[in-house]
Amino acid sequence: MSKTSLFFVFSLMTMLLFNHSGMSQKTKPRVVISTDIGGTDPDDFQSIIHLMMYSDLINIEGLISSPFGDGKKQDLLDMIELYEKDRPSLAKNIKGLASVKHLKKVCKQGAKPAAPFAGYTKPTEGSEWIIKCAKKKSSQPLYVLVWGGIEDIAQALHDAPEIEKNIRVYWIGGPNKKWSINAYAYIAEHHPNIWMIEANATYRGWFMEDENAPKNMSGAAYYENFIKGHGAMGANFVNHYKGHIKMGDTPSLAYLMNGDPNDPTTDSWGGKFEKINHSSRTIISGGSTQVDSVVAYGVIEWRFKGPELNIPQDSACFTIEIQKQEWPGYYLGNGVYGVRYSSKKPEKSSYITHSTISELNGLKGQYVSTAPWPGKLGKDDYILGKQWYGDLPNSELFLEDQQGARTISKFRNEYLSDWAKRWSFIK
């Protein structure tokens, strides 16, 4: 055999081994989506439409409905039916789109109520599905993109802690962290070594426009110019925010679409992040005042003294009201009552408690939360491992008071233009 032939055979064997190992650059990421679609924020309907239109780029292994509010698995199935009508047009131009049958098969119901102080409750269909997917034999990690509460992740980690090494989580935090604060606290304390992108503010660059935003894509202009009249999904899109682009959860998918998914510290359509070694937490015994400064997006944990009652530990028995919203507080035992909260942005605010327990009723206080997050290391902070990433703190990357948002907004023309091309395929 000639040297040329030997070289050809060697090259072919190398290529086959390379592809078989799953290391080819064309390998699709394995993805599970946890969404609060149908819950408190309608932007997930927009994000699900976007997801299905780009389903050729990823392997969707699960779609989990984990809403705060009235959302349910049926909301996912309803959106898939719209996709079914438009898929033939898309498929003429895009190869490898997810099948309707497959998408319906992997829809699961996740947790609806927020976790109690412990951070977990009982398994759900969604949490069990995360465990099943994470335990599949694969050379690839499982990306779990969390668009709402993180309860199903916390439950899955509690029930099967060994999956920690197999999953990568990109969580849209901020307001979701407020509602999911106990599940978050459980993960930060008990699974600090998980691979986690905690995007508390960066994601807002997807819909907050900087000074370079193209005018034909601003506000409702994008819908009028690129979506209107394009199929069943286009007709549905205007029902959510009147067609204005929000889709605050889509950056988690965009992170996998354009950039290096293995390195969150590099540029991507889903933002750029830095490694953080702690997550801010402030424990306040008794009340707080405006001189009590905490870090925005951090965990505030108030602990109040009250009577020793014969009620189950971790029982919700009071609420704390902040900005006309209420969070449950719990009996921790030994006459101690606790409640957690996280501000979704820098803010100055106050609180009042409500309870049938007289000692816990009508307690008032204030606090000030400041940026950047996670701030300087404090004595109560959660100590994190080497794979936890947060919003970049650089002042020049803020959009208004949103930390790191410019790392996404600068790509606005690119990602919306790319999407516009796909809309044009739907007749």
Protein backbone atom coordinates (compact mmCIF):
# COMPACT_ATOMS: atom_id res chain seq x y z
CA MET A 1 0.00 0.00 0.00
CA SER A 2 1.35 3.44 -0.97
CA LYS A 3 2.05 6.17 1.57
CA THR A 4 -0.82 8.17 0.09
CA SER A 5 -3.23 5.24 0.60
CA LEU A 6 -2.04 4.68 4.15
CA PHE A 7 -2.54 8.36 4.92
CA PHE A 8 -6.07 8.25 3.49
CA VAL A 9 -6.99 5.17 5.54
CA PHE A 10 -5.53 6.69 8.72
CA SER A 11 -7.41 9.95 8.14
CA LEU A 12 -10.68 8.11 7.54
CA MET A 13 -10.28 6.02 10.71
CA THR A 14 -9.47 9.14 12.72
CA MET A 15 -12.56 10.92 11.40
CA LEU A 16 -14.80 7.95 12.21
CA LEU A 17 -13.41 7.67 15.73
CA PHE A 18 -13.80 11.42 16.20
CA ASN A 19 -17.44 11.38 15.17
CA HIS A 20 -18.22 8.23 17.16
CA SER A 21 -16.86 9.78 20.33
CA GLY A 22 -19.52 12.48 20.18
CA MET A 23 -16.89 15.19 20.00
CA SER A 24 -17.86 16.45 16.55
CA GLN A 25 -18.66 20.15 16.44
CA LYS A 26 -21.97 19.24 14.77
CA THR A 27 -23.15 17.29 17.81
CA LYS A 28 -26.41 18.77 19.03
CA PRO A 29 -26.60 19.71 22.71
CA ARG A 30 -28.93 17.63 24.86
CA VAL A 31 -31.55 19.94 26.36
CA VAL A 32 -34.39 19.87 28.88
CA ILE A 33 -36.51 23.02 29.20
CA SER A 34 -38.27 23.87 32.47
CA THR A 35 -40.79 26.64 31.81
CA ASP A 36 -43.42 28.57 33.75
CA ILE A 37 -45.50 28.93 30.59
CA GLY A 38 -49.09 29.86 31.41
CA GLY A 39 -48.03 31.05 34.85
CA THR A 40 -47.36 34.60 35.95
CA ASP A 41 -45.59 35.89 32.82
CA PRO A 42 -46.79 35.36 29.20
CA ASP A 43 -43.34 35.78 27.65
CA ASP A 44 -42.74 32.02 27.81
CA PHE A 45 -45.27 31.55 24.99
CA GLN A 46 -43.00 33.69 22.81
CA SER A 47 -39.92 31.74 23.91
CA ILE A 48 -41.54 28.36 23.19
CA ILE A 49 -42.36 29.50 19.63
CA HIS A 50 -38.73 30.55 19.18
CA LEU A 51 -37.53 27.25 20.65
CA MET A 52 -39.56 25.11 18.25
CA MET A 53 -38.42 27.18 15.27
CA TYR A 54 -34.80 26.40 16.24
CA SER A 55 -35.36 22.79 17.32
CA ASP A 56 -33.02 21.59 14.55
CA LEU A 57 -30.03 22.88 16.53
CA ILE A 58 -30.60 20.89 19.73
CA ASN A 59 -31.91 17.55 20.97
CA ILE A 60 -34.95 18.38 23.09
CA GLU A 61 -35.19 15.63 25.71
CA GLY A 62 -37.81 17.24 27.91
CA LEU A 63 -40.34 20.07 28.13
CA ILE A 64 -41.41 20.56 31.74
CA SER A 65 -44.26 22.80 32.85
CA SER A 66 -43.19 24.29 36.20
CA PRO A 67 -45.35 27.39 36.63
CA PHE A 68 -46.16 29.73 39.46
CA GLY A 69 -49.86 30.20 38.85
CA ASP A 70 -52.32 28.46 36.57
CA GLY A 71 -49.93 27.15 33.92
CA LYS A 72 -49.91 23.45 33.05
CA LYS A 73 -48.55 20.88 30.62
CA GLN A 74 -51.51 21.53 28.31
CA ASP A 75 -50.10 24.99 27.58
CA LEU A 76 -47.06 23.31 26.06
CA LEU A 77 -49.21 20.92 24.05
CA ASP A 78 -51.29 23.83 22.72
CA MET A 79 -48.15 25.55 21.41
CA ILE A 80 -46.92 22.33 19.82
CA GLU A 81 -50.19 22.13 17.89
CA LEU A 82 -49.44 25.56 16.40
CA TYR A 83 -45.95 24.37 15.47
CA GLU A 84 -47.51 21.31 13.82
CA LYS A 85 -49.36 23.61 11.41
CA ASP A 86 -46.23 25.59 10.50
CA ARG A 87 -43.67 22.80 10.54
CA PRO A 88 -44.19 21.70 6.90
CA SER A 89 -43.24 25.18 5.64
CA LEU A 90 -40.23 25.36 7.95
CA ALA A 91 -39.12 21.84 7.06
CA LYS A 92 -38.80 22.76 3.38
CA ASN A 93 -35.91 25.02 4.32
CA ILE A 94 -34.65 23.61 7.63
CA LYS A 95 -33.55 20.01 8.08
CA GLY A 96 -33.71 18.18 11.39
CA LEU A 97 -36.57 20.00 13.09
CA ALA A 98 -38.01 18.16 16.09
CA SER A 99 -41.02 16.01 15.26
CA VAL A 100 -44.39 16.90 16.70
CA LYS A 101 -44.77 13.38 18.05
CA HIS A 102 -41.49 13.58 19.93
CA LEU A 103 -42.23 16.99 21.45
CA LYS A 104 -45.59 15.82 22.75
CA LYS A 105 -44.02 12.68 24.18
CA VAL A 106 -41.44 14.57 26.27
CA CYS A 107 -43.91 17.08 27.80
CA LYS A 108 -44.07 16.60 31.58
CA GLN A 109 -45.79 18.28 34.50
CA GLY A 110 -43.47 19.79 37.07
CA ALA A 111 -43.90 21.56 40.38
CA LYS A 112 -46.53 24.28 40.69
CA PRO A 113 -46.21 25.64 44.23
CA ALA A 114 -42.97 27.16 45.45
CA ALA A 115 -40.84 24.97 47.72
CA PRO A 116 -41.07 25.43 51.51
CA PHE A 117 -38.16 26.60 53.62
CA ALA A 118 -36.43 23.21 53.27
CA GLY A 119 -36.18 23.79 49.50
CA TYR A 120 -37.83 20.57 48.33
CA THR A 121 -41.02 18.58 48.83
CA LYS A 122 -42.07 15.52 46.82
CA PRO A 123 -41.02 14.24 43.38
CA THR A 124 -42.95 15.44 40.36
CA GLU A 125 -43.23 14.00 36.88
CA GLY A 126 -40.85 16.78 35.85
CA SER A 127 -38.20 16.16 38.51
CA GLU A 128 -38.26 12.44 37.82
CA TRP A 129 -37.86 13.10 34.10
CA ILE A 130 -34.80 15.29 34.77
CA ILE A 131 -33.27 12.41 36.74
CA LYS A 132 -34.06 9.92 33.97
CA CYS A 133 -32.50 12.13 31.28
CA ALA A 134 -29.46 12.95 33.43
CA LYS A 135 -28.78 9.24 34.01
CA LYS A 136 -28.74 8.37 30.31
CA LYS A 137 -25.39 7.08 29.12
CA SER A 138 -23.91 9.89 27.06
CA SER A 139 -20.59 11.59 26.41
CA GLN A 140 -22.47 14.91 26.57
CA PRO A 141 -23.78 16.84 29.55
CA LEU A 142 -27.50 17.51 29.87
CA TYR A 143 -28.32 21.21 29.67
CA VAL A 144 -31.33 22.13 31.79
CA LEU A 145 -32.59 25.55 30.77
CA VAL A 146 -34.77 26.93 33.56
CA TRP A 147 -37.24 29.65 32.53
CA GLY A 148 -39.11 29.90 35.81
CA GLY A 149 -38.91 28.26 39.21
CA ILE A 150 -35.97 26.01 39.99
CA GLU A 151 -38.01 23.67 42.20
CA ASP A 152 -37.78 20.65 39.90
CA ILE A 153 -33.98 20.93 39.76
CA ALA A 154 -33.78 21.14 43.56
CA GLN A 155 -36.10 18.14 43.90
CA ALA A 156 -34.14 16.11 41.36
CA LEU A 157 -30.84 16.88 43.11
CA HIS A 158 -32.34 15.99 46.48
CA ASP A 159 -33.68 12.66 45.22
CA ALA A 160 -30.67 11.75 43.05
CA PRO A 161 -27.64 13.86 44.09
CA GLU A 162 -25.39 11.81 41.81
CA ILE A 163 -26.81 13.58 38.74
CA GLU A 164 -25.08 16.80 39.78
CA LYS A 165 -22.04 15.94 37.67
CA ASN A 166 -24.12 15.19 34.56
CA ILE A 167 -26.13 18.39 34.24
CA ARG A 168 -25.47 22.00 33.33
CA VAL A 169 -28.05 24.55 34.42
CA TYR A 170 -28.69 27.93 32.80
CA TRP A 171 -31.22 29.66 35.05
CA ILE A 172 -33.08 32.87 34.30
CA GLY A 173 -33.05 34.18 37.86
CA GLY A 174 -33.99 37.73 38.88
CA PRO A 175 -37.77 37.71 39.49
CA ASN A 176 -37.83 33.92 39.31
CA LYS A 177 -35.34 33.85 42.16
CA LYS A 178 -37.79 35.83 44.31
CA TRP A 179 -40.44 33.16 43.99
CA SER A 180 -38.05 30.22 44.00
CA ILE A 181 -35.84 31.46 46.80
CA ASN A 182 -36.06 28.38 49.05
CA ALA A 183 -35.26 25.93 46.25
CA TYR A 184 -32.34 28.16 45.26
CA ALA A 185 -31.04 28.26 48.82
CA TYR A 186 -31.15 24.46 48.97
CA ILE A 187 -29.09 24.11 45.78
CA ALA A 188 -26.54 26.77 46.77
CA GLU A 189 -26.02 25.17 50.19
CA HIS A 190 -26.10 21.48 49.29
CA HIS A 191 -24.93 21.43 45.66
CA PRO A 192 -22.41 24.28 45.33
CA ASN A 193 -20.34 22.28 42.82
CA ILE A 194 -23.06 22.07 40.19
CA TRP A 195 -22.34 23.70 36.80
CA MET A 196 -24.62 26.73 36.94
CA ILE A 197 -25.15 29.96 35.02
CA GLU A 198 -27.22 32.18 37.28
CA ALA A 199 -28.43 35.00 35.04
CA ASN A 200 -30.17 37.46 37.33
CA ALA A 201 -29.93 40.49 35.04
CA THR A 202 -27.91 39.69 31.92
CA TYR A 203 -30.92 38.12 30.21
CA ARG A 204 -32.68 41.50 30.14
CA GLY A 205 -30.39 42.55 27.31
CA TRP A 206 -32.54 40.37 25.05
CA PHE A 207 -35.44 42.84 25.20
CA MET A 208 -33.95 46.03 26.68
CA GLU A 209 -32.69 48.12 23.78
CA ASP A 210 -29.38 49.94 23.86
CA GLU A 211 -28.50 53.00 21.77
CA ASN A 212 -27.58 50.81 18.77
CA ALA A 213 -30.91 48.93 18.55
CA PRO A 214 -32.19 48.79 14.94
CA LYS A 215 -35.40 50.80 14.55
CA ASN A 216 -37.14 48.23 12.37
CA MET A 217 -36.88 45.75 15.25
CA SER A 218 -37.91 48.03 18.11
CA GLY A 219 -41.08 47.64 20.17
CA ALA A 220 -43.88 46.16 18.08
CA ALA A 221 -42.02 46.92 14.84
CA TYR A 222 -40.44 43.48 14.77
CA TYR A 223 -43.83 41.80 14.85
CA GLU A 224 -45.19 44.08 12.12
CA ASN A 225 -42.12 43.69 9.89
CA PHE A 226 -41.21 40.03 10.32
CA ILE A 227 -43.86 37.96 12.14
CA LYS A 228 -47.29 39.22 11.15
CA GLY A 229 -48.99 37.03 8.56
CA HIS A 230 -46.59 34.13 8.96
CA GLY A 231 -48.55 31.04 9.92
CA ALA A 232 -50.29 29.84 13.06
CA MET A 233 -47.38 30.71 15.35
CA GLY A 234 -47.24 34.21 13.90
CA ALA A 235 -50.97 34.68 14.50
CA ASN A 236 -50.55 33.55 18.11
CA PHE A 237 -47.49 35.68 18.83
CA VAL A 238 -49.43 38.94 18.98
CA ASN A 239 -51.50 37.57 21.89
CA HIS A 240 -48.50 37.93 24.19
CA TYR A 241 -47.36 41.48 25.03
CA LYS A 242 -49.22 42.62 21.89
CA GLY A 243 -46.40 41.25 19.79
CA HIS A 244 -43.66 43.26 21.52
CA ILE A 245 -40.53 41.15 21.79
CA LYS A 246 -39.81 40.14 25.36
CA MET A 247 -38.81 36.47 25.50
CA GLY A 248 -36.69 36.98 28.58
CA ASP A 249 -35.98 33.26 28.83
CA THR A 250 -34.72 32.79 25.27
CA PRO A 251 -31.11 33.81 26.12
CA SER A 252 -30.66 30.40 27.76
CA LEU A 253 -31.27 28.76 24.36
CA ALA A 254 -29.34 31.46 22.49
CA TYR A 255 -26.34 30.60 24.68
CA LEU A 256 -26.25 27.19 22.98
CA MET A 257 -26.95 28.60 19.52
CA ASN A 258 -24.05 31.01 19.13
CA GLY A 259 -20.92 30.89 21.24
CA ASP A 260 -18.91 28.28 23.14
CA PRO A 261 -21.29 26.42 25.50
CA ASN A 262 -18.30 25.03 27.39
CA ASP A 263 -17.08 28.47 28.42
CA PRO A 264 -19.58 30.98 29.84
CA THR A 265 -16.80 33.59 30.15
CA THR A 266 -16.74 34.12 26.36
CA ASP A 267 -19.17 36.06 24.16
CA SER A 268 -22.44 34.41 23.15
CA TRP A 269 -25.94 35.42 22.15
CA GLY A 270 -26.97 34.29 25.62
CA GLY A 271 -24.57 36.59 27.41
CA LYS A 272 -21.11 36.60 28.91
CA PHE A 273 -20.50 35.70 32.55
CA GLU A 274 -17.79 35.38 35.18
CA LYS A 275 -17.00 32.68 37.71
CA ILE A 276 -18.23 33.55 41.18
CA ASN A 277 -17.09 31.86 44.37
CA HIS A 278 -19.96 32.92 46.63
CA SER A 279 -23.64 33.71 46.53
CA SER A 280 -24.66 36.58 48.78
CA ARG A 281 -26.89 35.88 51.77
CA THR A 282 -27.73 38.16 54.68
CA ILE A 283 -29.31 36.69 57.82
CA ILE A 284 -31.12 39.31 59.88
CA SER A 285 -32.24 38.40 63.39
CA GLY A 286 -35.30 40.49 64.10
CA GLY A 287 -36.26 43.51 62.01
CA SER A 288 -34.23 45.60 59.58
CA THR A 289 -34.09 49.30 58.66
CA GLN A 290 -32.84 51.34 55.72
CA VAL A 291 -29.36 51.28 57.20
CA ASP A 292 -29.41 47.54 56.52
CA SER A 293 -27.85 47.23 53.08
CA VAL A 294 -28.01 43.91 51.22
CA VAL A 295 -26.91 42.81 47.76
CA ALA A 296 -29.49 42.83 44.97
CA TYR A 297 -30.35 39.28 43.81
CA GLY A 298 -28.90 37.97 47.07
CA VAL A 299 -30.80 35.98 49.69
CA ILE A 300 -32.26 38.00 52.57
CA GLU A 301 -33.25 35.75 55.44
CA TRP A 302 -35.21 37.30 58.28
CA ARG A 303 -35.49 35.31 61.51
CA PHE A 304 -38.03 36.38 64.07
CA LYS A 305 -38.54 35.19 67.65
CA GLY A 306 -41.99 33.93 68.61
CA PRO A 307 -43.77 31.43 70.79
CA GLU A 308 -42.79 27.77 70.88
CA LEU A 309 -45.78 26.11 69.32
CA ASN A 310 -46.69 22.50 68.77
CA ILE A 311 -46.83 22.71 64.98
CA PRO A 312 -44.75 20.78 62.44
CA GLN A 313 -41.33 22.22 61.72
CA ASP A 314 -41.17 24.00 58.33
CA SER A 315 -44.87 24.86 58.54
CA ALA A 316 -45.97 28.09 56.82
CA CYS A 317 -47.54 30.24 59.53
CA PHE A 318 -46.97 33.87 58.51
CA THR A 319 -46.30 35.94 55.41
CA ILE A 320 -44.06 38.87 54.61
CA GLU A 321 -45.47 41.53 52.28
CA ILE A 322 -43.05 43.44 50.07
CA GLN A 323 -44.20 45.72 47.24
CA LYS A 324 -47.76 44.37 47.42
CA GLN A 325 -46.60 40.75 47.03
CA GLU A 326 -46.44 38.15 49.79
CA TRP A 327 -44.06 35.31 50.60
CA PRO A 328 -44.70 32.55 53.15
CA GLY A 329 -42.70 32.36 56.34
CA TYR A 330 -42.08 29.11 58.23
CA TYR A 331 -41.70 27.79 61.72
CA LEU A 332 -38.12 26.55 62.09
CA GLY A 333 -38.48 25.17 65.63
CA ASN A 334 -37.42 26.36 69.09
CA GLY A 335 -39.47 29.52 68.80
CA VAL A 336 -37.68 30.70 65.64
CA TYR A 337 -39.56 31.72 62.47
CA GLY A 338 -37.87 32.34 59.15
CA VAL A 339 -38.64 33.82 55.73
CA ARG A 340 -36.47 34.37 52.67
CA TYR A 341 -36.65 36.99 49.94
CA SER A 342 -34.53 38.20 47.02
CA SER A 343 -34.88 41.57 45.28
CA LYS A 344 -35.09 41.28 41.49
CA LYS A 345 -33.07 44.50 41.05
CA PRO A 346 -31.43 47.21 43.17
CA GLU A 347 -34.21 48.72 45.27
CA LYS A 348 -35.18 50.54 48.45
CA SER A 349 -38.23 48.99 50.03
CA SER A 350 -40.14 48.05 53.17
CA TYR A 351 -41.99 45.05 54.54
CA ILE A 352 -44.78 44.10 56.91
CA THR A 353 -45.65 40.67 58.29
CA HIS A 354 -49.10 39.09 58.58
CA SER A 355 -50.01 36.21 60.87
CA THR A 356 -52.65 34.85 63.21
CA ILE A 357 -49.79 34.51 65.70
CA SER A 358 -49.87 37.87 67.46
CA GLU A 359 -46.10 38.07 68.01
CA LEU A 360 -45.55 37.74 64.24
CA ASN A 361 -48.29 40.05 63.05
CA GLY A 362 -47.62 43.59 61.90
CA LEU A 363 -43.82 43.55 62.15
CA LYS A 364 -42.43 46.33 59.96
CA GLY A 365 -39.01 47.09 58.55
CA GLN A 366 -37.00 48.34 55.61
CA TYR A 367 -33.92 47.47 53.59
CA VAL A 368 -31.81 48.72 50.68
CA SER A 369 -30.41 46.37 48.02
CA THR A 370 -27.44 47.45 45.93
CA ALA A 371 -25.49 46.32 42.86
CA PRO A 372 -23.29 44.73 41.71
CA TRP A 373 -24.05 41.16 42.62
CA PRO A 374 -22.73 39.06 44.38
CA GLY A 375 -20.76 41.79 46.16
CA LYS A 376 -17.99 41.25 48.67
CA LEU A 377 -17.84 37.97 50.54
CA GLY A 378 -19.94 38.09 53.71
CA LYS A 379 -20.08 35.85 56.76
CA ASP A 380 -23.48 34.37 55.83
CA ASP A 381 -22.78 33.81 52.12
CA TYR A 382 -23.06 30.46 50.37
CA ILE A 383 -19.60 29.29 49.30
CA LEU A 384 -19.71 28.01 45.73
CA GLY A 385 -17.56 25.62 43.71
CA LYS A 386 -15.55 26.29 40.56
CA GLN A 387 -18.40 25.99 38.04
CA TRP A 388 -20.89 28.66 39.14
CA TYR A 389 -21.19 31.73 36.92
CA GLY A 390 -22.88 35.10 37.43
CA ASP A 391 -23.58 38.42 35.70
CA LEU A 392 -20.54 40.55 34.86
CA PRO A 393 -20.24 43.44 37.36
CA ASN A 394 -18.53 45.96 35.06
CA SER A 395 -20.36 49.30 35.15
CA GLU A 396 -20.06 49.79 31.38
CA LEU A 397 -22.02 46.56 30.81
CA PHE A 398 -25.09 47.74 32.75
CA LEU A 399 -28.23 48.70 30.82
CA GLU A 400 -29.91 51.15 33.18
CA ASP A 401 -29.71 49.21 36.48
CA GLN A 402 -29.45 45.76 34.89
CA GLN A 403 -26.07 44.17 35.44
CA GLY A 404 -24.36 42.56 32.44
CA ALA A 405 -27.29 43.20 30.06
CA ARG A 406 -25.11 44.80 27.38
CA THR A 407 -23.33 41.48 26.80
CA ILE A 408 -26.56 40.39 25.06
CA SER A 409 -28.03 43.64 23.72
CA LYS A 410 -24.99 44.23 21.52
CA PHE A 411 -26.01 41.19 19.45
CA ARG A 412 -29.64 42.29 19.02
CA ASN A 413 -29.40 42.87 15.27
CA GLU A 414 -27.71 39.51 14.70
CA TYR A 415 -30.07 37.26 16.61
CA LEU A 416 -33.27 38.99 15.53
CA SER A 417 -32.15 39.08 11.89
CA ASP A 418 -31.41 35.37 12.04
CA TRP A 419 -34.87 34.72 13.45
CA ALA A 420 -36.50 36.93 10.80
CA LYS A 421 -35.06 34.66 8.13
CA ARG A 422 -36.78 31.67 9.71
CA TRP A 423 -40.09 33.53 9.92
CA SER A 424 -39.84 34.17 6.18
CA PHE A 425 -39.98 30.42 5.57
CA ILE A 426 -43.48 30.18 7.07
CA LYS A 427 -46.08 31.00 4.44
